[in-house]
């Protein structure tokens, strides 16, 4: 599936700039070069009727939420043999209080963001704007928590489903438009529509209901960004695990990572929500989990006026991040105020990224949480910040370094507060055949304070070596 998506992205748009998440989990580019290419003019203007944007259909969007949530309830009751929801549980959930559930971190930070992205794309497919689709996503989450499950509603589920659903939803919408081609036919059309139905069912099912899955139509004019780069990397990682005895334990795993930079914030074009974003995903061979990283960061709006390409751009960002490996568990949803800069010389170019962030909800590992809240991590709310730098030589990424920190007051869990820090350094060297070899050193630092015990700190280094290839 990842390979198919990579091939689709490489054939769907020309490329440029890369600032996607890499094997070092630094939030910096995974690509090897950043040469810009301008997209060729679309043939839609001469071969097909003009594209007509769908009119907002709010009632149809909410009807879609009801149908999807109803289908999910039926699947839980029939296929998964879970307890049934009924009017009595609806009334109890409406009258009763909210809680914090004890689900594992992948359920809360992969399944719920995926569900939120479905809600969001139901709204987007019915002609609603990015901003108008946000409350629809919240409505879909509330509908599920109150009427879709026979258990008390969960506050963390609503926050994660709504915020991460918006972030992941707009990213998957734009990726779906890259994969889709309303001019395609035959097997080419089948695999494109099937792929979108799988990773973006909110859009895929709406297209199916309108007959757009098989009709040949004009493509949206904004389906291709001016710049795009997809990257695939494979390698090995040596991790230090939390101390369980007198000595630290180490583990070796194989990894496969996919990264994407969509759009170029420096190109001078008007910034729309997620007209520029990064996306990253990683798989590993550890015994406990397979999806070890999933995240996206997009620019919501630019601050100040621009009259063309620029070397500095400040803006508001929206982030979703999930990490679960054998060493630690972490997730966050945040809003950032940041400054991106690009300094170029004859042979070298330096890219930097500085931002301060507000974190509505953060999850982080805690050794005492299972006894207190029946899960292995705490929830908190707080603030954060990041600083990244990337050095390129003739467009090839040579060296990058980054640091992030998050402080959160615990709102549900065993600790009183958490300070989480990430630091990374990564170096790359070019190889023949469009490949590159690289190594990354990462450090995860966590300091936890408690009311009834002394503060505890943990440092978990990781070393990764990898081969990667990029496509424009």
Protein backbone atom coordinates (compact mmCIF):
# COMPACT_ATOMS: atom_id res chain seq x y z
CA UNK A 1 0.00 0.00 0.00
CA UNK A 2 2.83 2.43 0.87
CA UNK A 3 4.61 1.54 -2.36
CA UNK A 4 1.43 2.10 -4.38
CA UNK A 5 0.86 5.46 -2.72
CA UNK A 6 4.47 6.48 -3.37
CA UNK A 7 4.16 5.58 -7.05
CA UNK A 8 0.87 7.46 -7.30
CA UNK A 9 2.34 10.56 -5.76
CA UNK A 10 5.38 10.45 -8.01
CA UNK A 11 3.25 10.22 -11.15
CA UNK A 12 0.52 12.61 -9.96
CA UNK A 13 2.63 15.75 -9.59
CA UNK A 14 6.04 17.19 -10.34
CA UNK A 15 8.15 17.95 -7.36
CA UNK A 16 10.27 20.17 -5.25
CA UNK A 17 10.95 21.03 -1.69
CA UNK A 18 11.11 18.42 1.09
CA UNK A 19 10.63 19.01 4.78
CA UNK A 20 9.04 15.69 5.73
CA UNK A 21 9.63 13.58 8.80
CA UNK A 22 12.50 11.16 8.53
CA UNK A 23 13.92 8.01 10.08
CA UNK A 24 15.44 10.15 12.82
CA UNK A 25 11.92 11.18 13.92
CA UNK A 26 13.13 14.75 13.96
CA UNK A 27 10.27 16.40 12.12
CA UNK A 28 12.77 17.44 9.43
CA UNK A 29 12.88 16.37 5.77
CA UNK A 30 13.20 12.76 4.76
CA UNK A 31 14.02 13.71 1.18
CA UNK A 32 17.50 13.92 -0.27
CA UNK A 33 17.17 16.96 -2.54
CA UNK A 34 15.01 20.05 -2.70
CA UNK A 35 15.21 21.10 -6.33
CA UNK A 36 12.05 22.95 -7.41
CA UNK A 37 9.98 22.01 -10.45
CA UNK A 38 6.93 23.86 -11.75
CA UNK A 39 3.84 21.82 -12.52
CA UNK A 40 2.83 21.52 -16.15
CA UNK A 41 -0.44 23.24 -17.15
CA UNK A 42 -3.50 21.07 -16.73
CA UNK A 43 -5.24 19.73 -19.81
CA UNK A 44 -8.63 20.18 -18.13
CA UNK A 45 -9.07 23.65 -19.59
CA UNK A 46 -9.00 22.39 -23.19
CA UNK A 47 -10.28 18.80 -23.05
CA UNK A 48 -12.96 18.94 -20.36
CA UNK A 49 -15.73 21.28 -19.19
CA UNK A 50 -14.76 23.73 -16.49
CA UNK A 51 -14.62 22.28 -13.00
CA UNK A 52 -17.57 23.28 -10.81
CA UNK A 53 -16.95 23.22 -7.08
CA UNK A 54 -19.68 21.44 -5.09
CA UNK A 55 -22.11 23.69 -3.25
CA UNK A 56 -22.18 23.33 0.56
CA UNK A 57 -24.69 20.67 1.58
CA UNK A 58 -24.81 20.76 5.39
CA UNK A 59 -27.83 18.47 5.74
CA UNK A 60 -26.24 15.85 3.49
CA UNK A 61 -23.02 16.04 5.49
CA UNK A 62 -24.82 15.39 8.78
CA UNK A 63 -26.81 12.58 7.17
CA UNK A 64 -23.47 11.06 6.20
CA UNK A 65 -22.32 11.20 9.83
CA UNK A 66 -25.46 9.37 10.94
CA UNK A 67 -25.04 6.67 8.31
CA UNK A 68 -21.35 6.12 9.05
CA UNK A 69 -21.80 6.01 12.82
CA UNK A 70 -24.78 3.71 12.41
CA UNK A 71 -22.70 1.37 10.24
CA UNK A 72 -19.94 1.38 12.87
CA UNK A 73 -22.46 0.45 15.59
CA UNK A 74 -23.74 -2.42 13.42
CA UNK A 75 -20.19 -3.69 12.86
CA UNK A 76 -19.46 -3.58 16.60
CA UNK A 77 -22.67 -5.44 17.42
CA UNK A 78 -22.62 -8.06 14.69
CA UNK A 79 -19.03 -8.61 13.58
CA UNK A 80 -17.15 -7.79 16.78
CA UNK A 81 -19.79 -9.03 19.24
CA UNK A 82 -19.55 -5.91 21.43
CA UNK A 83 -22.33 -4.68 23.75
CA UNK A 84 -25.19 -2.93 21.98
CA UNK A 85 -26.17 0.71 22.34
CA UNK A 86 -29.85 1.55 22.84
CA UNK A 87 -32.06 4.49 23.91
CA UNK A 88 -31.47 3.73 27.60
CA UNK A 89 -27.69 4.09 27.18
CA UNK A 90 -28.20 7.25 25.10
CA UNK A 91 -30.13 8.91 27.91
CA UNK A 92 -27.64 7.71 30.51
CA UNK A 93 -24.72 9.14 28.51
CA UNK A 94 -26.47 12.48 28.04
CA UNK A 95 -27.29 12.78 31.73
CA UNK A 96 -24.09 11.29 33.11
CA UNK A 97 -20.60 12.75 33.37
CA UNK A 98 -17.59 12.44 31.12
CA UNK A 99 -14.57 10.27 31.85
CA UNK A 100 -11.05 9.47 30.59
CA UNK A 101 -10.93 6.02 29.06
CA UNK A 102 -8.31 3.32 29.58
CA UNK A 103 -7.76 2.31 25.95
CA UNK A 104 -4.24 1.74 24.67
CA UNK A 105 -2.47 4.58 22.91
CA UNK A 106 -2.90 3.16 19.39
CA UNK A 107 -6.69 2.93 19.80
CA UNK A 108 -6.89 6.52 21.01
CA UNK A 109 -4.31 7.99 18.64
CA UNK A 110 -4.66 6.01 15.41
CA UNK A 111 -8.22 4.70 15.32
CA UNK A 112 -9.81 7.89 16.66
CA UNK A 113 -7.84 10.29 14.41
CA UNK A 114 -8.73 8.02 11.47
CA UNK A 115 -12.40 8.21 12.45
CA UNK A 116 -12.17 11.98 12.85
CA UNK A 117 -10.59 12.24 9.39
CA UNK A 118 -13.57 10.32 8.01
CA UNK A 119 -16.01 12.80 9.61
CA UNK A 120 -13.96 15.74 8.33
CA UNK A 121 -13.85 14.43 4.76
CA UNK A 122 -17.59 13.74 4.74
CA UNK A 123 -18.01 17.47 5.32
CA UNK A 124 -15.32 18.49 2.82
CA UNK A 125 -16.81 16.21 0.14
CA UNK A 126 -20.15 17.95 0.63
CA UNK A 127 -18.71 21.34 -0.27
CA UNK A 128 -17.90 22.66 3.21
CA UNK A 129 -14.73 24.69 3.70
CA UNK A 130 -11.87 23.68 5.99
CA UNK A 131 -13.20 25.89 8.77
CA UNK A 132 -16.83 24.84 8.33
CA UNK A 133 -15.80 21.16 8.38
CA UNK A 134 -14.17 21.51 11.81
CA UNK A 135 -17.44 21.72 13.83
CA UNK A 136 -18.88 18.88 11.74
CA UNK A 137 -15.93 16.74 12.88
CA UNK A 138 -16.69 17.64 16.49
CA UNK A 139 -20.37 16.81 15.93
CA UNK A 140 -19.47 13.39 14.54
CA UNK A 141 -17.31 12.64 17.56
CA UNK A 142 -20.01 13.76 20.02
CA UNK A 143 -22.59 11.67 18.16
CA UNK A 144 -20.41 8.57 18.54
CA UNK A 145 -19.53 9.15 22.19
CA UNK A 146 -23.13 9.80 23.26
CA UNK A 147 -25.04 7.41 21.02
CA UNK A 148 -22.55 5.00 19.45
CA UNK A 149 -21.21 3.23 22.53
CA UNK A 150 -22.96 1.85 25.63
CA UNK A 151 -20.25 3.23 27.93
CA UNK A 152 -19.89 6.73 29.42
CA UNK A 153 -18.50 9.27 26.94
CA UNK A 154 -14.76 9.90 26.94
CA UNK A 155 -13.36 13.43 27.01
CA UNK A 156 -10.01 12.43 25.55
CA UNK A 157 -11.75 10.70 22.62
CA UNK A 158 -13.64 13.87 21.68
CA UNK A 159 -10.52 16.05 21.85
CA UNK A 160 -8.32 13.62 19.89
CA UNK A 161 -10.96 12.68 17.30
CA UNK A 162 -11.78 16.32 16.63
CA UNK A 163 -8.32 17.92 16.57
CA UNK A 164 -6.37 15.04 15.04
CA UNK A 165 -9.26 14.30 12.70
CA UNK A 166 -9.07 17.83 11.30
CA UNK A 167 -5.28 17.69 10.90
CA UNK A 168 -5.14 14.20 9.44
CA UNK A 169 -8.35 14.76 7.50
CA UNK A 170 -7.14 17.72 5.46
CA UNK A 171 -3.83 16.00 4.78
CA UNK A 172 -5.55 12.83 3.54
CA UNK A 173 -7.98 14.91 1.48
CA UNK A 174 -5.14 16.56 -0.40
CA UNK A 175 -3.31 13.24 -0.81
CA UNK A 176 -6.53 11.68 -2.10
CA UNK A 177 -6.86 14.38 -4.76
CA UNK A 178 -3.32 13.56 -5.88
CA UNK A 179 -4.15 9.89 -6.26
CA UNK A 180 -7.55 10.39 -7.91
CA UNK A 181 -7.85 11.18 -11.59
CA UNK A 182 -11.35 11.81 -12.93
CA UNK A 183 -10.05 11.24 -16.47
CA UNK A 184 -8.70 7.74 -15.77
CA UNK A 185 -10.49 4.59 -16.83
CA UNK A 186 -10.04 0.82 -16.68
CA UNK A 187 -7.70 -0.74 -14.14
CA UNK A 188 -5.97 2.60 -13.61
CA UNK A 189 -9.26 4.12 -12.42
CA UNK A 190 -10.10 1.05 -10.30
CA UNK A 191 -6.92 1.06 -8.23
CA UNK A 192 -7.05 4.83 -7.67
CA UNK A 193 -10.65 4.78 -6.46
CA UNK A 194 -10.03 1.67 -4.33
CA UNK A 195 -6.98 3.21 -2.68
CA UNK A 196 -8.89 6.36 -1.74
CA UNK A 197 -11.85 4.33 -0.49
CA UNK A 198 -9.44 2.50 1.84
CA UNK A 199 -7.42 5.37 3.34
CA UNK A 200 -10.07 8.10 2.99
CA UNK A 201 -13.51 6.45 3.19
CA UNK A 202 -15.19 9.78 3.94
CA UNK A 203 -14.33 10.96 0.44
CA UNK A 204 -14.46 7.53 -1.22
CA UNK A 205 -17.96 6.67 -0.04
CA UNK A 206 -19.26 10.10 -0.97
CA UNK A 207 -17.87 9.70 -4.49
CA UNK A 208 -19.48 6.28 -4.68
CA UNK A 209 -22.87 7.67 -3.63
CA UNK A 210 -22.73 10.37 -6.33
CA UNK A 211 -21.51 8.11 -9.13
CA UNK A 212 -18.21 9.99 -9.31
CA UNK A 213 -16.30 6.74 -8.82
CA UNK A 214 -16.80 5.75 -12.47
CA UNK A 215 -17.86 8.94 -14.30
CA UNK A 216 -15.24 10.91 -16.22
CA UNK A 217 -15.27 14.50 -15.00
CA UNK A 218 -13.06 17.57 -14.80
CA UNK A 219 -10.37 17.42 -12.12
CA UNK A 220 -10.26 20.08 -9.37
CA UNK A 221 -7.79 22.83 -10.35
CA UNK A 222 -5.97 22.63 -7.00
CA UNK A 223 -5.40 18.87 -6.98
CA UNK A 224 -1.68 19.27 -7.73
CA UNK A 225 0.58 21.49 -5.61
CA UNK A 226 3.38 23.44 -7.23
CA UNK A 227 5.87 21.28 -5.36
CA UNK A 228 5.79 17.78 -3.98
CA UNK A 229 8.34 15.22 -2.81
CA UNK A 230 7.80 11.71 -1.52
CA UNK A 231 10.56 9.67 0.13
CA UNK A 232 10.95 6.05 1.18
CA UNK A 233 13.61 4.81 3.60
CA UNK A 234 14.53 1.42 5.05
CA UNK A 235 17.05 0.69 7.76
CA UNK A 236 17.85 -0.63 11.22
CA UNK A 237 17.55 0.94 14.64
CA UNK A 238 19.14 0.16 18.00
CA UNK A 239 16.99 1.33 20.91
CA UNK A 240 17.61 1.64 24.62
CA UNK A 241 14.58 0.47 26.61
CA UNK A 242 13.50 1.71 30.05
CA UNK A 243 15.43 0.13 32.90
CA UNK A 244 13.63 -2.87 34.41
CA UNK A 245 16.51 -4.25 36.47
CA UNK A 246 20.04 -3.19 37.23
CA UNK A 247 21.03 -2.64 33.59
CA UNK A 248 19.38 -1.00 30.61
CA UNK A 249 18.04 -3.30 27.89
CA UNK A 250 18.70 -2.72 24.21
CA UNK A 251 16.75 -3.90 21.18
CA UNK A 252 17.40 -3.93 17.44
CA UNK A 253 14.52 -3.46 14.97
CA UNK A 254 14.13 -2.99 11.23
CA UNK A 255 12.23 0.08 10.05
CA UNK A 256 10.52 1.38 6.92
CA UNK A 257 9.59 5.06 6.76
CA UNK A 258 7.56 7.17 4.33
CA UNK A 259 7.78 10.96 4.22
CA UNK A 260 6.09 13.66 2.19
CA UNK A 261 6.44 17.41 1.77
CA UNK A 262 3.37 18.90 0.09
CA UNK A 263 3.64 22.44 -1.20
CA UNK A 264 6.27 25.11 -0.64
CA UNK A 265 5.51 27.83 1.93
CA UNK A 266 8.20 30.09 0.40
CA UNK A 267 6.76 30.17 -3.15
CA UNK A 268 4.77 33.37 -2.65
CA UNK A 269 1.35 31.86 -3.34
CA UNK A 270 -1.58 32.59 -1.03
CA UNK A 271 -1.55 30.26 1.97
CA UNK A 272 -4.68 28.22 2.59
CA UNK A 273 -5.09 25.70 5.42
CA UNK A 274 -2.65 22.86 4.66
CA UNK A 275 -1.60 24.22 1.27
CA UNK A 276 1.80 23.32 2.72
CA UNK A 277 2.24 20.38 5.09
CA UNK A 278 4.52 17.51 6.03
CA UNK A 279 3.42 13.92 6.56
CA UNK A 280 5.36 11.02 8.03
CA UNK A 281 4.72 7.36 8.86
CA UNK A 282 6.95 4.57 10.07
CA UNK A 283 6.69 0.80 10.49
CA UNK A 284 9.00 -1.35 12.64
CA UNK A 285 9.49 -5.01 13.53
CA UNK A 286 9.19 -4.69 17.32
CA UNK A 287 7.13 -7.38 19.10
CA UNK A 288 4.59 -4.99 20.62
CA UNK A 289 3.66 -2.65 17.78
CA UNK A 290 4.03 -2.25 14.02
CA UNK A 291 3.01 1.36 13.33
CA UNK A 292 5.59 3.25 15.36
CA UNK A 293 5.08 6.77 14.00
CA UNK A 294 2.30 8.74 12.35
CA UNK A 295 2.14 12.49 12.11
CA UNK A 296 1.39 15.57 10.05
CA UNK A 297 2.03 19.29 10.45
CA UNK A 298 0.35 21.88 8.29
CA UNK A 299 0.30 25.64 7.98
CA UNK A 300 -3.14 27.10 8.70
CA UNK A 301 -2.41 30.71 7.81
CA UNK A 302 0.49 33.02 7.04
CA UNK A 303 1.05 36.19 9.04
CA UNK A 304 1.86 39.47 7.29
CA UNK A 305 1.79 40.42 3.61
CA UNK A 306 3.89 38.84 0.85
CA UNK A 307 4.44 40.09 -2.69
CA UNK A 308 6.10 37.02 -4.16
CA UNK A 309 8.67 34.40 -3.14
CA UNK A 310 10.26 35.08 0.22
CA UNK A 311 13.06 33.86 2.48
CA UNK A 312 11.05 34.17 5.70
CA UNK A 313 7.46 33.30 6.49
CA UNK A 314 5.69 33.34 9.84
CA UNK A 315 2.45 31.51 10.35
CA UNK A 316 0.08 29.44 12.44
CA UNK A 317 0.53 25.67 12.37
CA UNK A 318 -1.55 22.67 13.42
CA UNK A 319 0.13 19.40 14.44
CA UNK A 320 -0.76 15.79 15.11
CA UNK A 321 1.89 13.31 16.23
CA UNK A 322 1.81 9.71 17.44
CA UNK A 323 4.77 7.55 18.49
CA UNK A 324 4.67 4.11 20.06
CA UNK A 325 7.75 1.93 20.05
CA UNK A 326 9.29 -0.52 22.48
CA UNK A 327 10.91 2.32 24.44
CA UNK A 328 8.15 4.90 24.97
CA UNK A 329 4.64 6.07 24.09
CA UNK A 330 3.88 9.65 23.09
CA UNK A 331 1.26 11.66 21.24
CA UNK A 332 0.26 15.29 20.97
CA UNK A 333 -2.17 17.63 19.27
CA UNK A 334 -0.94 21.21 19.12
CA UNK A 335 -1.21 24.67 17.58
CA UNK A 336 2.00 26.56 16.83
CA UNK A 337 3.12 30.09 16.05
CA UNK A 338 6.31 29.79 14.06
CA UNK A 339 8.88 31.25 11.69
CA UNK A 340 10.30 29.40 8.68
CA UNK A 341 13.48 30.78 7.09
CA UNK A 342 15.59 29.91 4.06
CA UNK A 343 19.09 31.35 3.52
CA UNK A 344 20.81 30.54 0.23
CA UNK A 345 24.34 30.98 -1.07
CA UNK A 346 26.14 29.87 -4.21
CA UNK A 347 26.54 26.26 -3.11
CA UNK A 348 24.81 25.97 0.26
CA UNK A 349 21.33 26.55 1.63
CA UNK A 350 20.12 26.63 5.23
CA UNK A 351 16.50 26.02 6.24
CA UNK A 352 15.32 26.73 9.79
CA UNK A 353 12.04 26.23 11.67
CA UNK A 354 11.29 27.90 15.02
CA UNK A 355 7.94 27.80 16.78
CA UNK A 356 6.15 28.06 20.12
CA UNK A 357 3.21 25.71 20.64
CA UNK A 358 0.04 25.30 22.66
CA UNK A 359 -0.73 21.65 23.42
CA UNK A 360 -4.41 20.96 24.25
CA UNK A 361 -3.69 17.27 24.90
CA UNK A 362 -0.49 15.24 25.26
CA UNK A 363 -0.05 11.57 26.11
CA UNK A 364 3.21 10.22 27.53
CA UNK A 365 4.42 7.01 29.13
CA UNK A 366 4.30 6.55 32.89
CA UNK A 367 5.34 3.43 34.86
CA UNK A 368 2.65 4.03 37.52
CA UNK A 369 -0.26 4.94 35.26
CA UNK A 370 -1.61 1.40 34.82
CA UNK A 371 -2.41 1.05 38.53
CA UNK A 372 -4.05 4.48 38.64
CA UNK A 373 -5.94 4.81 35.33
CA UNK A 374 -5.75 1.30 33.74
CA UNK A 375 -3.49 2.35 30.88
CA UNK A 376 0.26 2.84 30.44
CA UNK A 377 0.35 6.61 29.87
CA UNK A 378 -0.83 9.93 31.31
CA UNK A 379 -2.79 12.75 29.71
CA UNK A 380 -1.75 16.37 30.16
CA UNK A 381 -2.16 19.83 28.70
CA UNK A 382 0.57 22.43 28.34
CA UNK A 383 3.00 24.23 26.04
CA UNK A 384 5.93 23.36 23.80
CA UNK A 385 8.47 24.60 21.31
CA UNK A 386 10.71 23.43 18.50
CA UNK A 387 13.92 24.46 16.72
CA UNK A 388 15.20 22.75 13.56
CA UNK A 389 17.97 23.45 11.07
CA UNK A 390 18.85 21.74 7.80
CA UNK A 391 21.96 22.28 5.70
CA UNK A 392 22.00 21.49 1.96
CA UNK A 393 24.78 21.43 -0.61
CA UNK A 394 23.67 21.90 -4.23
CA UNK A 395 20.17 20.85 -3.21
CA UNK A 396 21.28 17.70 -1.38
CA UNK A 397 20.46 17.46 2.30
CA UNK A 398 23.75 16.96 4.13
CA UNK A 399 23.08 17.60 7.80
CA UNK A 400 20.10 18.34 10.03
CA UNK A 401 19.55 18.85 13.73
CA UNK A 402 16.46 19.44 15.82
CA UNK A 403 15.14 19.91 19.31
CA UNK A 404 11.60 19.84 20.69
CA UNK A 405 10.29 20.21 24.23
CA UNK A 406 6.81 19.85 25.74
CA UNK A 407 5.74 20.60 29.28
CA UNK A 408 2.30 19.46 30.43
CA UNK A 409 0.35 19.49 33.67
CA UNK A 410 -1.25 16.07 34.07
CA UNK A 411 -5.04 16.13 33.88
CA UNK A 412 -5.54 12.36 34.12
CA UNK A 413 -2.88 9.90 35.19
CA UNK A 414 -0.34 9.06 37.87
CA UNK A 415 2.07 11.98 37.57
CA UNK A 416 1.72 15.65 38.45
CA UNK A 417 3.55 17.02 35.40
CA UNK A 418 5.74 15.92 32.51
CA UNK A 419 8.63 17.46 30.60
CA UNK A 420 9.28 15.65 27.33
CA UNK A 421 12.29 16.48 25.15
CA UNK A 422 13.38 15.19 21.74
CA UNK A 423 16.82 15.85 20.26
CA UNK A 424 18.18 14.54 16.98
CA UNK A 425 21.17 14.85 14.64
CA UNK A 426 21.15 13.31 11.17
CA UNK A 427 23.74 13.11 8.37
CA UNK A 428 23.41 11.83 4.80
CA UNK A 429 25.71 10.98 1.90
CA UNK A 430 24.71 10.51 -1.76
CA UNK A 431 25.01 7.14 -3.48
CA UNK A 432 24.58 6.07 -7.10
CA UNK A 433 21.18 5.28 -8.63
CA UNK A 434 19.35 8.06 -6.77
CA UNK A 435 19.98 6.53 -3.34
CA UNK A 436 21.49 8.01 -0.20
CA UNK A 437 22.88 6.53 3.00
CA UNK A 438 22.35 8.13 6.35
CA UNK A 439 22.60 7.83 10.10
CA UNK A 440 20.55 9.50 12.81
CA UNK A 441 21.04 9.77 16.55
CA UNK A 442 17.92 10.50 18.62
CA UNK A 443 17.44 11.12 22.32
CA UNK A 444 14.13 10.93 24.17
CA UNK A 445 14.17 12.59 27.61
CA UNK A 446 11.29 12.48 30.08
CA UNK A 447 11.08 13.99 33.53
CA UNK A 448 7.98 13.20 35.62
CA UNK A 449 6.98 14.79 38.90
CA UNK A 450 4.62 13.18 41.44
CA UNK A 451 2.74 14.23 44.52
CA UNK A 452 3.49 11.11 46.56
CA UNK A 453 6.97 10.15 45.28
CA UNK A 454 10.16 11.83 44.12
CA UNK A 455 10.63 13.04 40.54
CA UNK A 456 11.94 10.55 38.01
CA UNK A 457 13.91 11.06 34.82
CA UNK A 458 14.59 8.73 31.93
CA UNK A 459 16.82 9.10 28.85
CA UNK A 460 16.38 6.72 25.93
CA UNK A 461 18.85 7.08 23.03
CA UNK A 462 18.29 5.54 19.59
CA UNK A 463 20.70 5.05 16.70
CA UNK A 464 19.38 4.53 13.16
CA UNK A 465 21.17 3.73 9.89
CA UNK A 466 19.20 3.77 6.65
CA UNK A 467 19.07 3.87 2.86
CA UNK A 468 16.57 6.20 1.23
CA UNK A 469 15.30 7.28 -2.16
CA UNK A 470 13.22 10.28 -3.17
CA UNK A 471 10.87 10.97 -6.03
CA UNK A 472 9.69 14.21 -7.57
